[in-house]
N, C-alpha and C. Protein backbone atom coordinates (compact mmCIF):
# COMPACT_ATOMS: atom_id res chain seq x y z
N MET A 1 107.55 93.69 137.86
CA MET A 1 106.69 92.47 137.40
C MET A 1 107.60 91.98 136.27
N ASN A 2 107.91 90.35 136.51
CA ASN A 2 108.59 89.45 135.61
C ASN A 2 107.63 88.84 134.74
N ASP A 3 108.45 88.75 133.42
CA ASP A 3 107.38 88.78 132.44
C ASP A 3 108.28 87.42 132.04
N ASN A 4 109.21 86.49 132.66
CA ASN A 4 109.87 85.41 131.79
C ASN A 4 108.65 83.82 131.65
N ASP A 5 107.34 84.31 132.09
CA ASP A 5 106.43 83.22 132.07
C ASP A 5 105.87 83.31 130.88
N ALA A 6 106.07 84.49 130.04
CA ALA A 6 105.92 84.90 128.62
C ALA A 6 106.88 84.63 127.47
N VAL A 7 107.91 84.67 127.69
CA VAL A 7 108.99 84.22 127.43
C VAL A 7 109.20 82.60 127.16
N THR A 8 108.96 81.69 128.23
CA THR A 8 108.97 80.49 128.84
C THR A 8 107.76 79.64 128.01
N LYS A 9 106.94 80.25 127.84
CA LYS A 9 106.08 79.98 127.11
C LYS A 9 105.81 80.03 125.65
N ARG A 10 106.28 81.05 125.13
CA ARG A 10 106.66 81.26 123.91
C ARG A 10 107.86 80.05 123.19
N ARG A 11 108.65 80.23 123.80
CA ARG A 11 109.88 78.88 123.54
C ARG A 11 109.12 77.74 123.28
N ALA A 12 108.37 77.14 124.48
CA ALA A 12 107.94 75.84 124.78
C ALA A 12 106.77 75.64 123.46
N GLY A 13 106.29 76.38 122.52
CA GLY A 13 105.42 76.40 121.24
C GLY A 13 104.14 76.58 122.06
N THR A 14 104.25 77.10 123.20
CA THR A 14 102.35 77.16 123.73
C THR A 14 101.73 78.53 123.04
N ASN A 15 102.07 79.35 121.98
CA ASN A 15 101.72 80.25 121.22
C ASN A 15 100.47 79.20 120.97
N PRO A 16 99.54 80.05 120.95
CA PRO A 16 98.44 80.21 120.41
C PRO A 16 98.15 79.64 118.28
N GLY A 17 99.12 80.39 117.78
CA GLY A 17 99.42 80.81 116.57
C GLY A 17 100.71 79.73 115.75
N SER A 18 101.11 79.26 116.55
CA SER A 18 102.13 78.30 116.68
C SER A 18 102.04 77.33 115.28
N ALA A 19 100.77 76.39 115.36
CA ALA A 19 100.80 75.28 114.65
C ALA A 19 100.21 75.52 113.49
N GLN A 20 99.67 76.98 113.53
CA GLN A 20 99.41 77.50 112.22
C GLN A 20 100.35 77.71 111.31
N ASP A 21 101.40 78.85 112.12
CA ASP A 21 102.61 79.05 111.27
C ASP A 21 103.54 78.24 111.03
N ASP A 22 103.46 76.71 112.03
CA ASP A 22 104.42 75.75 111.13
C ASP A 22 103.92 75.14 110.11
N ALA A 23 102.35 74.96 110.40
CA ALA A 23 101.52 74.34 108.70
C ALA A 23 102.15 75.37 107.46
N LEU A 24 102.37 76.59 107.44
CA LEU A 24 102.26 77.34 106.97
C LEU A 24 103.61 77.03 106.28
N LEU A 25 104.38 77.39 106.75
CA LEU A 25 106.16 77.06 106.94
C LEU A 25 106.40 75.56 106.19
N GLU A 26 105.59 74.48 107.03
CA GLU A 26 105.82 73.39 105.91
C GLU A 26 105.77 73.74 104.60
N ALA A 27 104.11 73.57 104.18
CA ALA A 27 103.46 73.79 103.13
C ALA A 27 104.24 75.18 102.11
N ALA A 28 104.96 75.82 102.63
CA ALA A 28 105.58 76.56 101.91
C ALA A 28 107.33 75.63 101.35
N LEU A 29 107.67 75.25 102.63
CA LEU A 29 108.98 74.21 101.73
C LEU A 29 108.95 73.59 101.19
N ARG A 30 107.45 72.79 101.05
CA ARG A 30 107.11 71.44 100.25
C ARG A 30 107.46 72.44 98.71
N LEU A 31 106.39 73.19 99.04
CA LEU A 31 106.16 74.47 97.29
C LEU A 31 107.42 74.40 96.77
N PHE A 32 108.33 75.29 97.76
CA PHE A 32 109.87 75.72 96.94
C PHE A 32 110.36 74.41 96.85
N GLY A 33 110.29 73.07 97.45
CA GLY A 33 110.86 71.99 97.20
C GLY A 33 110.49 71.35 95.66
N ALA A 34 108.89 71.68 95.63
CA ALA A 34 108.28 70.88 94.47
C ALA A 34 108.49 71.91 93.10
N HIS A 35 108.94 73.38 93.27
CA HIS A 35 108.55 73.88 92.29
C HIS A 35 109.80 75.32 92.36
N GLY A 36 110.66 75.29 93.41
CA GLY A 36 112.15 76.41 93.34
C GLY A 36 111.44 77.29 93.57
N LEU A 37 112.12 78.54 92.53
CA LEU A 37 111.86 79.90 92.64
C LEU A 37 110.41 80.11 91.94
N SER A 38 109.83 79.42 91.62
CA SER A 38 108.37 79.78 90.79
C SER A 38 107.43 79.50 91.73
N ALA A 39 107.87 79.18 92.80
CA ALA A 39 106.90 78.39 94.21
C ALA A 39 106.18 79.16 94.63
N ALA A 40 106.55 80.61 94.87
CA ALA A 40 105.61 81.96 95.47
C ALA A 40 104.09 82.37 94.21
N GLN A 41 105.02 81.88 93.31
CA GLN A 41 103.61 82.08 91.98
C GLN A 41 103.13 81.39 91.64
N ARG A 42 103.26 79.95 92.13
CA ARG A 42 102.43 78.56 92.11
C ARG A 42 101.52 79.32 93.48
N ALA A 43 101.65 79.46 94.33
CA ALA A 43 100.54 80.20 95.56
C ALA A 43 100.16 81.02 95.42
N SER A 44 100.50 81.54 94.98
CA SER A 44 99.61 83.11 94.10
C SER A 44 97.77 82.62 92.98
N GLU A 45 98.69 81.17 92.40
CA GLU A 45 98.38 80.72 91.00
C GLU A 45 96.61 80.19 91.93
N ALA A 46 97.20 79.61 93.16
CA ALA A 46 96.27 78.87 93.74
C ALA A 46 95.52 79.63 94.77
N ALA A 47 95.80 80.40 95.06
CA ALA A 47 95.43 81.41 95.74
C ALA A 47 93.98 82.16 94.58
N GLN A 48 94.55 82.32 93.61
CA GLN A 48 93.74 82.96 92.39
C GLN A 48 92.38 82.04 92.28
N ILE A 49 92.41 80.75 92.14
CA ILE A 49 91.85 79.59 91.56
C ILE A 49 91.08 79.54 92.89
N ALA A 50 91.38 79.65 94.66
CA ALA A 50 90.18 79.07 95.29
C ALA A 50 89.38 80.06 95.31
N ALA A 51 90.05 81.39 95.11
CA ALA A 51 89.47 82.93 95.10
C ALA A 51 88.06 82.91 94.28
N GLU A 52 88.54 82.41 92.69
CA GLU A 52 87.73 82.30 91.67
C GLU A 52 86.37 81.01 92.07
N GLY A 53 86.55 80.34 92.76
CA GLY A 53 85.91 79.01 93.21
C GLY A 53 85.04 79.28 94.46
N GLY A 54 85.08 80.88 94.73
CA GLY A 54 84.35 80.77 95.98
C GLY A 54 84.84 80.48 97.83
N ASP A 55 86.55 80.26 97.58
CA ASP A 55 86.73 79.60 98.60
C ASP A 55 87.75 80.68 99.20
N ASN A 56 86.99 81.34 99.77
CA ASN A 56 88.04 82.50 100.86
C ASN A 56 88.99 82.06 101.66
N ALA A 57 88.84 80.97 102.15
CA ALA A 57 89.63 80.45 103.31
C ALA A 57 90.89 79.21 102.58
N ALA A 58 90.42 79.34 101.52
CA ALA A 58 91.09 78.72 101.00
C ALA A 58 92.52 79.75 100.34
N ALA A 59 91.78 80.46 99.51
CA ALA A 59 92.52 81.37 99.10
C ALA A 59 93.32 82.01 100.54
N GLU A 60 92.68 82.49 101.46
CA GLU A 60 93.62 83.19 102.30
C GLU A 60 94.86 82.09 102.98
N TRP A 61 94.91 80.80 102.66
CA TRP A 61 95.80 79.89 103.00
C TRP A 61 96.55 80.63 102.27
N TRP A 62 96.29 80.16 100.99
CA TRP A 62 97.18 80.45 99.96
C TRP A 62 98.18 81.36 99.85
N ILE A 63 97.56 83.24 100.19
CA ILE A 63 97.78 83.81 100.29
C ILE A 63 99.16 83.74 101.10
N ALA A 64 98.84 83.51 102.60
CA ALA A 64 99.80 83.26 103.49
C ALA A 64 101.21 82.51 103.04
N VAL A 65 100.63 81.20 102.57
CA VAL A 65 101.90 80.70 101.88
C VAL A 65 102.85 81.40 100.92
N CYS A 66 102.03 81.81 100.22
CA CYS A 66 102.98 83.02 99.32
C CYS A 66 103.77 83.89 99.99
N ALA A 67 103.33 84.93 100.90
CA ALA A 67 103.51 85.59 101.86
C ALA A 67 105.26 85.11 102.73
N MET A 68 104.83 83.66 102.65
CA MET A 68 106.65 82.97 103.52
C MET A 68 107.52 83.27 102.20
N LEU A 69 107.09 83.02 100.93
CA LEU A 69 107.75 82.85 99.69
C LEU A 69 108.11 84.34 99.09
N ASP A 70 107.05 85.03 99.06
CA ASP A 70 107.86 86.64 98.22
C ASP A 70 106.58 87.48 98.99
N GLY A 71 106.94 88.12 100.25
CA GLY A 71 105.67 88.64 100.84
C GLY A 71 105.82 90.25 99.74
N PRO A 72 106.29 90.69 98.84
CA PRO A 72 105.34 92.07 97.82
C PRO A 72 104.40 91.40 97.15
N LEU A 73 105.10 90.06 96.45
CA LEU A 73 103.58 89.25 95.52
C LEU A 73 102.87 88.85 96.31
N ALA A 74 102.86 88.52 97.71
CA ALA A 74 101.14 88.34 98.28
C ALA A 74 100.89 89.64 98.88
N LYS A 75 101.67 90.72 99.22
CA LYS A 75 100.79 91.75 99.31
C LYS A 75 100.25 92.53 98.18
N ALA A 76 100.49 92.85 97.08
CA ALA A 76 99.72 92.85 95.33
C ALA A 76 98.81 91.90 95.35
N LEU A 77 98.86 90.49 95.46
CA LEU A 77 97.35 89.64 95.54
C LEU A 77 96.19 90.41 96.53
N GLN A 78 96.60 90.57 97.92
CA GLN A 78 95.86 90.55 98.46
C GLN A 78 95.35 92.63 98.16
N ARG A 79 95.52 93.26 97.70
CA ARG A 79 95.08 94.59 97.05
C ARG A 79 94.00 93.89 95.74
N ARG A 80 94.47 93.59 95.06
CA ARG A 80 94.08 92.57 94.00
C ARG A 80 92.23 92.53 94.25
N PHE A 81 92.85 91.14 95.10
CA PHE A 81 91.56 90.61 95.64
C PHE A 81 90.52 91.65 96.17
N ALA A 82 91.32 92.68 97.50
CA ALA A 82 90.44 93.89 97.74
C ALA A 82 89.82 94.92 96.64
N ALA A 83 90.54 94.91 96.00
CA ALA A 83 90.07 95.88 94.47
C ALA A 83 88.66 94.91 94.27
N ARG A 84 88.55 93.87 93.53
CA ARG A 84 87.77 92.70 93.24
C ARG A 84 86.78 92.74 93.55
N ALA A 85 87.21 92.88 95.42
CA ALA A 85 85.59 92.71 96.06
C ALA A 85 85.20 94.11 96.32
N SER A 86 85.78 95.23 96.05
CA SER A 86 85.35 96.23 96.39
C SER A 86 84.35 96.79 95.12
N SER A 87 84.73 95.89 93.90
CA SER A 87 84.54 96.42 92.72
C SER A 87 83.01 95.59 92.69
N GLN A 88 82.89 94.21 93.09
CA GLN A 88 81.53 93.77 93.15
C GLN A 88 80.36 94.17 94.54
N ALA A 89 80.62 94.80 95.24
CA ALA A 89 80.06 95.28 96.46
C ALA A 89 78.64 96.53 96.07
């Protein structure tokens, strides 16, 4: 069986997640352009603000942006959110 079609589709940008990945990358680059090395911290703060406001979708978005800039910071933030959610349950 030949899997060249799968490779061709990925190269052509038909991967279903690629549009969101592009948007995340663009957001991360814009944030880095505006805030430099503190960009990941800014994304982390935005995620915290969104979570405190009850906007889980926005919080997840900002965690994903943070992950593009600083993976360990994003993982720590996810752990804090999970701990907070389990303590509230």
